[in-house]
Amino acid sequence: FTYFPNPANDVVNISAKIEMTTIAVYNITGQLLYNRNINAMDSKVDISAFSTGTYFFKLKFGDKEANFKIIKN
């Protein structure tokens, strides 16, 4: 999968070669801020309302998971 931009201001674009089932976003303290079932290979996550800082994304692909972090400007 790929994601961009990083750092981001408004929207994070995520693309995968297999279908993503869920996207979740957590702040640095582990609080869940965003959770959506998507069942798609491409998605956009709007982080414009989030404060400046670091956020952790968790993608689910059926029974597999992937994690990455985004810096919000």
Protein backbone atom coordinates (compact mmCIF):
# COMPACT_ATOMS: atom_id res chain seq x y z
CA PHE A 1 0.00 0.00 0.00
CA THR A 2 1.01 3.64 -0.39
CA TYR A 3 0.00 6.82 1.38
CA PHE A 4 0.68 10.51 0.78
CA PRO A 5 1.38 13.28 1.58
CA ASN A 6 3.45 13.06 4.74
CA PRO A 7 3.49 15.57 6.37
CA ALA A 8 -0.13 16.42 5.56
CA ASN A 9 -2.42 19.38 6.16
CA ASP A 10 -5.90 18.29 5.10
CA VAL A 11 -6.27 14.90 3.40
CA VAL A 12 -4.26 11.67 3.47
CA ASN A 13 -4.62 9.52 0.35
CA ILE A 14 -4.25 5.75 0.76
CA SER A 15 -4.05 3.21 -2.06
CA ALA A 16 -3.62 -0.55 -1.80
CA LYS A 17 -3.32 -3.47 -4.20
CA ILE A 18 -5.82 -5.49 -2.17
CA GLU A 19 -9.09 -4.33 -0.63
CA MET A 20 -8.82 -2.46 2.67
CA THR A 21 -11.64 -3.29 5.06
CA THR A 22 -11.09 -0.76 7.87
CA ILE A 23 -9.14 2.45 8.49
CA ALA A 24 -8.55 3.71 12.02
CA VAL A 25 -6.61 6.79 13.19
CA TYR A 26 -5.21 7.22 16.70
CA ASN A 27 -3.51 10.15 18.38
CA ILE A 28 -0.19 9.90 20.21
CA THR A 29 -1.94 8.82 23.45
CA GLY A 30 -3.77 5.97 21.70
CA GLN A 31 -7.19 7.62 21.58
CA LEU A 32 -9.27 6.51 18.58
CA LEU A 33 -10.16 9.59 16.52
CA TYR A 34 -11.42 8.06 13.27
CA ASN A 35 -12.73 4.61 12.37
CA ARG A 36 -14.39 3.63 9.12
CA ASN A 37 -15.25 0.42 7.31
CA ILE A 38 -14.44 1.02 3.66
CA ASN A 39 -14.10 -2.20 1.60
CA ALA A 40 -12.14 -0.39 -1.13
CA MET A 41 -8.66 -0.20 -2.62
CA ASP A 42 -8.44 3.62 -2.42
CA SER A 43 -9.47 6.02 0.31
CA LYS A 44 -9.05 9.59 1.51
CA VAL A 45 -8.98 10.49 5.21
CA ASP A 46 -9.75 14.11 6.12
CA ILE A 47 -7.47 15.18 8.99
CA SER A 48 -8.08 18.93 8.62
CA ALA A 49 -9.91 19.09 11.98
CA PHE A 50 -7.05 17.36 13.83
CA SER A 51 -4.50 19.37 15.83
CA THR A 52 -0.88 19.63 14.71
CA GLY A 53 1.02 16.51 15.72
CA THR A 54 1.64 12.84 15.01
CA TYR A 55 -1.15 10.37 14.18
CA PHE A 56 -1.07 6.61 13.80
CA PHE A 57 -3.08 4.92 11.04
CA LYS A 58 -4.13 1.28 11.21
CA LEU A 59 -5.32 -0.38 8.02
CA LYS A 60 -7.02 -3.76 7.98
CA PHE A 61 -7.01 -6.04 4.95
CA GLY A 62 -9.31 -8.85 6.09
CA ASP A 63 -7.23 -10.65 8.75
CA LYS A 64 -4.01 -8.66 8.07
CA GLU A 65 -3.05 -5.24 9.45
CA ALA A 66 -0.63 -2.48 8.49
CA ASN A 67 0.35 0.59 10.48
CA PHE A 68 1.95 3.91 9.59
CA LYS A 69 2.26 7.38 11.03
CA ILE A 70 1.43 10.78 9.57
CA ILE A 71 2.67 14.16 10.73
CA LYS A 72 -0.10 16.80 10.68
CA ASN A 73 1.13 20.36 9.98
